[in-house]
Amino acid sequence: MPRRTVQFEAGQFYHVYNRGCNREPIFTKPEHYSQFLLKLRKYLVSDTARVIAYCLMPNHYHLLVQLLKDGLASAMHRLGVSYSKSINLQESRVGPLFQGPFQAIHVDDDSYLLELTRYIHRNPLHAGLVQRLEDWPYSSYPEYAGLREGTLPESTMILEMIGSRDRYCGFVHQRGNEEPKGIDRYLPIHDVE
C-alpha cells in the first residue's frame, strides 16, 4: 500500500473523502446516512477534529475538517471499519465497502477553503439528485443557510469570512454546475455513476 504523502498537523484544514468500491453506493437508505454521521461524531469529532462542512452522497462523501490534534488517520480508519461492518451486517454482504483508505488534501489557503465549502455543498445539485440544495438533508448546507439547527458542522468561521448567511447562500448559488475556478487541481472524486 502506498504511503500517505499528506502530513497531518493540528490546526490545519483537510478535505477528506472516499467512495464505494467500484463506485457502488455506500449509503442506500436514510438510516445509513444517519449511522455514518453518528460514527463520524464518535470516532472523529469526539476529540480529533472539527467538521467545517460535509456532504454525504450515495457513493462517496466529502468532509472539510480542521484537526484539533494528531490522529486523523486512526480516527478515519476506525470510522470506516465500524461503518463497513455495520452495513455488511445489516445488508448481509461481505467484503470492503470503500475503494480503499480515505484520501486527504491539505487546504492551504482561505480562498480554497471558501471554494471547497461551495464545492462540497453543491455536490447533490451537480449530480442531479436535487433541484435545490436545501432539499438534500445529508449535507451541512442547511446549517449554513440557517434552515436547520444541527450541531455537527462548525460554520461560524466560514460565515464570518464571507459576512453573513445570506452572503454565503448567494456565494454558493452564484455559479452554474461547473467546478469552482482553480479547484480542479484538488478534486479526484466528482461522480455518482
C-alpha atoms as a PDB file:
ATOM      1  CA  MET A   1       0.000   0.000   0.000  1.00  0.00           C
ATOM      2  CA  PRO A   2       1.456   3.395  -0.914  1.00  0.00           C
ATOM      3  CA  ARG A   3       2.471   5.614   1.935  1.00  0.00           C
ATOM      4  CA  ARG A   4       0.314   8.690   2.564  1.00  0.00           C
ATOM      5  CA  THR A   5       2.028  11.847   1.304  1.00  0.00           C
ATOM      6  CA  VAL A   6      -0.135  14.373   3.172  1.00  0.00           C
ATOM      7  CA  GLN A   7       1.241  15.333   6.573  1.00  0.00           C
ATOM      8  CA  PHE A   8      -1.457  15.936   9.183  1.00  0.00           C
ATOM      9  CA  GLU A   9      -0.943  18.829  11.611  1.00  0.00           C
ATOM     10  CA  ALA A  10      -3.167  20.132  14.395  1.00  0.00           C
ATOM     11  CA  GLY A  11      -4.864  23.398  13.475  1.00  0.00           C
ATOM     12  CA  GLN A  12      -4.747  22.705   9.725  1.00  0.00           C
ATOM     13  CA  PHE A  13      -7.688  22.087   7.393  1.00  0.00           C
ATOM     14  CA  TYR A  14      -8.134  18.993   5.230  1.00  0.00           C
ATOM     15  CA  HIS A  15     -10.532  17.835   2.542  1.00  0.00           C
ATOM     16  CA  VAL A  16     -11.211  14.206   3.449  1.00  0.00           C
ATOM     17  CA  TYR A  17     -13.091  11.942   1.053  1.00  0.00           C
ATOM     18  CA  ASN A  18     -13.715   8.386  -0.055  1.00  0.00           C
ATOM     19  CA  ARG A  19     -16.066   6.432  -2.273  1.00  0.00           C
ATOM     20  CA  GLY A  20     -17.527   2.961  -2.560  1.00  0.00           C
ATOM     21  CA  CYS A  21     -15.799   0.042  -4.252  1.00  0.00           C
ATOM     22  CA  ASN A  22     -16.497   0.088  -7.971  1.00  0.00           C
ATOM     23  CA  ARG A  23     -18.258   3.414  -7.366  1.00  0.00           C
ATOM     24  CA  GLU A  24     -21.133   1.492  -5.825  1.00  0.00           C
ATOM     25  CA  PRO A  25     -23.362   3.080  -3.181  1.00  0.00           C
ATOM     26  CA  ILE A  26     -22.178   3.298   0.398  1.00  0.00           C
ATOM     27  CA  PHE A  27     -25.488   4.801   1.526  1.00  0.00           C
ATOM     28  CA  THR A  28     -28.656   3.113   0.253  1.00  0.00           C
ATOM     29  CA  LYS A  29     -31.145   4.037   2.984  1.00  0.00           C
ATOM     30  CA  PRO A  30     -31.721   7.154   5.093  1.00  0.00           C
ATOM     31  CA  GLU A  31     -30.599   5.177   8.154  1.00  0.00           C
ATOM     32  CA  HIS A  32     -27.199   4.593   6.545  1.00  0.00           C
ATOM     33  CA  TYR A  33     -26.539   8.322   6.311  1.00  0.00           C
ATOM     34  CA  SER A  34     -27.563   8.742   9.961  1.00  0.00           C
ATOM     35  CA  GLN A  35     -25.344   5.869  11.076  1.00  0.00           C
ATOM     36  CA  PHE A  36     -22.350   7.330   9.266  1.00  0.00           C
ATOM     37  CA  LEU A  37     -22.892  10.727  10.894  1.00  0.00           C
ATOM     38  CA  LEU A  38     -23.202   9.126  14.354  1.00  0.00           C
ATOM     39  CA  LYS A  39     -19.984   7.201  13.788  1.00  0.00           C
ATOM     40  CA  LEU A  40     -18.333  10.361  12.474  1.00  0.00           C
ATOM     41  CA  ARG A  41     -19.175  12.072  15.762  1.00  0.00           C
ATOM     42  CA  LYS A  42     -17.948   9.103  17.784  1.00  0.00           C
ATOM     43  CA  TYR A  43     -14.636   8.488  16.046  1.00  0.00           C
ATOM     44  CA  LEU A  44     -13.604  11.847  14.641  1.00  0.00           C
ATOM     45  CA  VAL A  45     -15.441  14.745  16.256  1.00  0.00           C
ATOM     46  CA  SER A  46     -15.191  13.475  19.823  1.00  0.00           C
ATOM     47  CA  ASP A  47     -11.645  14.805  20.172  1.00  0.00           C
ATOM     48  CA  THR A  48      -9.704  14.700  16.892  1.00  0.00           C
ATOM     49  CA  ALA A  49     -11.265  17.263  14.553  1.00  0.00           C
ATOM     50  CA  ARG A  50     -13.940  19.851  13.931  1.00  0.00           C
ATOM     51  CA  VAL A  51     -16.174  19.314  10.910  1.00  0.00           C
ATOM     52  CA  ILE A  52     -16.440  22.568   8.979  1.00  0.00           C
ATOM     53  CA  ALA A  53     -18.570  21.228   6.105  1.00  0.00           C
ATOM     54  CA  TYR A  54     -19.729  17.861   4.851  1.00  0.00           C
ATOM     55  CA  CYS A  55     -21.777  16.188   2.161  1.00  0.00           C
ATOM     56  CA  LEU A  56     -22.708  12.523   2.035  1.00  0.00           C
ATOM     57  CA  MET A  57     -23.555  11.335  -1.467  1.00  0.00           C
ATOM     58  CA  PRO A  58     -24.896   7.909  -2.421  1.00  0.00           C
ATOM     59  CA  ASN A  59     -21.479   6.550  -3.408  1.00  0.00           C
ATOM     60  CA  HIS A  60     -18.997   8.920  -1.765  1.00  0.00           C
ATOM     61  CA  TYR A  61     -18.526  11.515   0.935  1.00  0.00           C
ATOM     62  CA  HIS A  62     -16.715  14.812   1.380  1.00  0.00           C
ATOM     63  CA  LEU A  63     -15.610  16.244   4.716  1.00  0.00           C
ATOM     64  CA  LEU A  64     -13.840  19.515   5.378  1.00  0.00           C
ATOM     65  CA  VAL A  65     -12.206  19.179   8.772  1.00  0.00           C
ATOM     66  CA  GLN A  66      -9.883  21.146  10.993  1.00  0.00           C
ATOM     67  CA  LEU A  67      -7.618  18.942  13.076  1.00  0.00           C
ATOM     68  CA  LEU A  68      -7.528  19.528  16.809  1.00  0.00           C
ATOM     69  CA  LYS A  69      -4.757  17.013  17.382  1.00  0.00           C
ATOM     70  CA  ASP A  70      -2.854  14.244  15.664  1.00  0.00           C
ATOM     71  CA  GLY A  71      -4.887  11.128  14.988  1.00  0.00           C
ATOM     72  CA  LEU A  72      -6.868  11.744  11.796  1.00  0.00           C
ATOM     73  CA  ALA A  73      -5.656   8.559  10.122  1.00  0.00           C
ATOM     74  CA  SER A  74      -6.572   6.285  13.018  1.00  0.00           C
ATOM     75  CA  ALA A  75      -9.918   8.040  13.618  1.00  0.00           C
ATOM     76  CA  MET A  76     -10.897   7.742   9.948  1.00  0.00           C
ATOM     77  CA  HIS A  77      -9.775   4.101   9.893  1.00  0.00           C
ATOM     78  CA  ARG A  78     -11.965   3.304  12.903  1.00  0.00           C
ATOM     79  CA  LEU A  79     -14.870   5.177  11.312  1.00  0.00           C
ATOM     80  CA  GLY A  80     -14.517   3.298   8.011  1.00  0.00           C
ATOM     81  CA  VAL A  81     -14.174  -0.125   9.619  1.00  0.00           C
ATOM     82  CA  SER A  82     -17.054   0.441  12.023  1.00  0.00           C
ATOM     83  CA  TYR A  83     -19.388   1.750   9.331  1.00  0.00           C
ATOM     84  CA  SER A  84     -18.438  -1.044   6.892  1.00  0.00           C
ATOM     85  CA  LYS A  85     -19.021  -3.762   9.497  1.00  0.00           C
ATOM     86  CA  SER A  86     -22.375  -2.240  10.392  1.00  0.00           C
ATOM     87  CA  ILE A  87     -23.548  -2.069   6.766  1.00  0.00           C
ATOM     88  CA  ASN A  88     -22.238  -5.550   5.972  1.00  0.00           C
ATOM     89  CA  LEU A  89     -24.189  -6.964   8.905  1.00  0.00           C
ATOM     90  CA  GLN A  90     -27.394  -5.078   8.074  1.00  0.00           C
ATOM     91  CA  GLU A  91     -27.287  -5.792   4.353  1.00  0.00           C
ATOM     92  CA  SER A  92     -25.989  -9.392   4.561  1.00  0.00           C
ATOM     93  CA  ARG A  93     -22.950  -8.522   2.498  1.00  0.00           C
ATOM     94  CA  VAL A  94     -19.249  -9.293   2.844  1.00  0.00           C
ATOM     95  CA  GLY A  95     -16.069  -7.566   1.813  1.00  0.00           C
ATOM     96  CA  PRO A  96     -14.887  -3.983   1.701  1.00  0.00           C
ATOM     97  CA  LEU A  97     -17.353  -1.156   1.303  1.00  0.00           C
ATOM     98  CA  PHE A  98     -14.855   1.581   0.420  1.00  0.00           C
ATOM     99  CA  GLN A  99     -12.470   1.510  -2.526  1.00  0.00           C
ATOM    100  CA  GLY A 100      -9.511   1.929  -0.197  1.00  0.00           C
ATOM    101  CA  PRO A 101      -8.243   4.133   2.605  1.00  0.00           C
ATOM    102  CA  PHE A 102      -9.675   7.633   2.819  1.00  0.00           C
ATOM    103  CA  GLN A 103      -7.959  10.355   0.820  1.00  0.00           C
ATOM    104  CA  ALA A 104      -6.997  13.771   2.157  1.00  0.00           C
ATOM    105  CA  ILE A 105      -5.816  17.052   0.689  1.00  0.00           C
ATOM    106  CA  HIS A 106      -4.327  19.839   2.769  1.00  0.00           C
ATOM    107  CA  VAL A 107      -6.372  23.032   2.408  1.00  0.00           C
ATOM    108  CA  ASP A 108      -3.647  25.632   2.374  1.00  0.00           C
ATOM    109  CA  ASP A 109      -5.361  29.000   1.891  1.00  0.00           C
ATOM    110  CA  ASP A 110      -8.573  30.864   2.710  1.00  0.00           C
ATOM    111  CA  SER A 111      -9.792  31.228  -0.866  1.00  0.00           C
ATOM    112  CA  TYR A 112      -9.536  27.492  -1.400  1.00  0.00           C
ATOM    113  CA  LEU A 113     -11.265  26.933   1.958  1.00  0.00           C
ATOM    114  CA  LEU A 114     -14.256  29.003   0.788  1.00  0.00           C
ATOM    115  CA  GLU A 115     -14.325  27.426  -2.676  1.00  0.00           C
ATOM    116  CA  LEU A 116     -14.199  23.968  -1.123  1.00  0.00           C
ATOM    117  CA  THR A 117     -17.258  24.602   1.049  1.00  0.00           C
ATOM    118  CA  ARG A 118     -19.130  25.700  -2.076  1.00  0.00           C
ATOM    119  CA  TYR A 119     -17.956  22.625  -3.984  1.00  0.00           C
ATOM    120  CA  ILE A 120     -18.931  20.284  -1.132  1.00  0.00           C
ATOM    121  CA  HIS A 121     -22.358  21.834  -0.713  1.00  0.00           C
ATOM    122  CA  ARG A 122     -23.098  21.877  -4.465  1.00  0.00           C
ATOM    123  CA  ASN A 123     -22.380  18.147  -4.922  1.00  0.00           C
ATOM    124  CA  PRO A 124     -26.038  16.966  -4.807  1.00  0.00           C
ATOM    125  CA  LEU A 125     -27.091  19.687  -7.251  1.00  0.00           C
ATOM    126  CA  HIS A 126     -24.253  18.898  -9.632  1.00  0.00           C
ATOM    127  CA  ALA A 127     -25.150  15.182  -9.501  1.00  0.00           C
ATOM    128  CA  GLY A 128     -28.799  15.934 -10.290  1.00  0.00           C
ATOM    129  CA  LEU A 129     -30.066  14.491  -7.003  1.00  0.00           C
ATOM    130  CA  VAL A 130     -31.988  17.651  -6.090  1.00  0.00           C
ATOM    131  CA  GLN A 131     -33.115  20.872  -7.746  1.00  0.00           C
ATOM    132  CA  ARG A 132     -32.428  22.938  -4.611  1.00  0.00           C
ATOM    133  CA  LEU A 133     -29.514  22.486  -2.207  1.00  0.00           C
ATOM    134  CA  GLU A 134     -31.745  22.879   0.819  1.00  0.00           C
ATOM    135  CA  ASP A 135     -33.567  19.677  -0.244  1.00  0.00           C
ATOM    136  CA  TRP A 136     -30.514  17.444   0.315  1.00  0.00           C
ATOM    137  CA  PRO A 137     -30.586  16.533   4.031  1.00  0.00           C
ATOM    138  CA  TYR A 138     -27.202  14.793   4.060  1.00  0.00           C
ATOM    139  CA  SER A 139     -25.003  17.860   3.939  1.00  0.00           C
ATOM    140  CA  SER A 140     -24.153  20.789   6.158  1.00  0.00           C
ATOM    141  CA  TYR A 141     -25.712  23.294   3.739  1.00  0.00           C
ATOM    142  CA  PRO A 142     -28.990  23.517   5.729  1.00  0.00           C
ATOM    143  CA  GLU A 143     -26.992  24.644   8.793  1.00  0.00           C
ATOM    144  CA  TYR A 144     -25.079  27.209   6.755  1.00  0.00           C
ATOM    145  CA  ALA A 145     -28.342  28.522   5.311  1.00  0.00           C
ATOM    146  CA  GLY A 146     -29.975  28.692   8.762  1.00  0.00           C
ATOM    147  CA  LEU A 147     -32.602  26.099   7.825  1.00  0.00           C
ATOM    148  CA  ARG A 148     -31.561  23.514  10.395  1.00  0.00           C
ATOM    149  CA  GLU A 149     -30.007  23.795  13.832  1.00  0.00           C
ATOM    150  CA  GLY A 150     -27.541  20.934  13.639  1.00  0.00           C
ATOM    151  CA  THR A 151     -24.580  20.621  15.939  1.00  0.00           C
ATOM    152  CA  LEU A 152     -22.125  18.789  13.693  1.00  0.00           C
ATOM    153  CA  PRO A 153     -20.748  21.449  11.347  1.00  0.00           C
ATOM    154  CA  GLU A 154     -18.950  24.447  12.776  1.00  0.00           C
ATOM    155  CA  SER A 155     -19.933  27.074  10.236  1.00  0.00           C
ATOM    156  CA  THR A 156     -19.089  30.218  12.228  1.00  0.00           C
ATOM    157  CA  MET A 157     -15.623  30.755  10.755  1.00  0.00           C
ATOM    158  CA  ILE A 158     -16.783  30.445   7.125  1.00  0.00           C
ATOM    159  CA  LEU A 159     -19.838  32.640   7.710  1.00  0.00           C
ATOM    160  CA  GLU A 160     -17.641  35.283   9.364  1.00  0.00           C
ATOM    161  CA  MET A 161     -15.192  35.132   6.448  1.00  0.00           C
ATOM    162  CA  ILE A 162     -17.958  35.820   3.968  1.00  0.00           C
ATOM    163  CA  GLY A 163     -20.026  38.171   6.126  1.00  0.00           C
ATOM    164  CA  SER A 164     -23.453  36.563   6.667  1.00  0.00           C
ATOM    165  CA  ARG A 165     -25.683  33.569   5.962  1.00  0.00           C
ATOM    166  CA  ASP A 166     -27.339  35.414   3.086  1.00  0.00           C
ATOM    167  CA  ARG A 167     -23.994  36.244   1.504  1.00  0.00           C
ATOM    168  CA  TYR A 168     -22.874  32.635   1.898  1.00  0.00           C
ATOM    169  CA  CYS A 169     -26.041  31.342   0.208  1.00  0.00           C
ATOM    170  CA  GLY A 170     -25.522  33.813  -2.621  1.00  0.00           C
ATOM    171  CA  PHE A 171     -21.888  32.713  -2.909  1.00  0.00           C
ATOM    172  CA  VAL A 172     -22.882  29.043  -3.176  1.00  0.00           C
ATOM    173  CA  HIS A 173     -25.625  29.711  -5.730  1.00  0.00           C
ATOM    174  CA  GLN A 174     -23.765  32.220  -7.921  1.00  0.00           C
ATOM    175  CA  ARG A 175     -22.155  29.573 -10.107  1.00  0.00           C
ATOM    176  CA  GLY A 176     -23.618  27.090 -12.529  1.00  0.00           C
ATOM    177  CA  ASN A 177     -22.689  23.425 -12.325  1.00  0.00           C
ATOM    178  CA  GLU A 178     -19.050  23.997 -13.233  1.00  0.00           C
ATOM    179  CA  GLU A 179     -16.346  23.337 -10.709  1.00  0.00           C
ATOM    180  CA  PRO A 180     -15.065  26.435  -8.926  1.00  0.00           C
ATOM    181  CA  LYS A 181     -12.136  28.136 -10.606  1.00  0.00           C
ATOM    182  CA  GLY A 182      -8.813  26.682  -9.529  1.00  0.00           C
ATOM    183  CA  ILE A 183     -10.292  23.845  -7.506  1.00  0.00           C
ATOM    184  CA  ASP A 184      -9.730  21.244 -10.214  1.00  0.00           C
ATOM    185  CA  ARG A 185      -6.151  20.709  -9.047  1.00  0.00           C
ATOM    186  CA  TYR A 186      -7.551  19.294  -5.831  1.00  0.00           C
ATOM    187  CA  LEU A 187     -10.510  17.159  -6.897  1.00  0.00           C
ATOM    188  CA  PRO A 188     -10.055  13.470  -7.569  1.00  0.00           C
ATOM    189  CA  ILE A 189     -13.680  12.476  -6.835  1.00  0.00           C
ATOM    190  CA  HIS A 190     -16.658  14.044  -8.537  1.00  0.00           C
ATOM    191  CA  ASP A 191     -19.023  11.351  -9.690  1.00  0.00           C
ATOM    192  CA  VAL A 192     -22.063   9.374  -8.681  1.00  0.00           C
ATOM    193  CA  GLU A 193     -22.271   6.989 -11.624  1.00  0.00           C
END
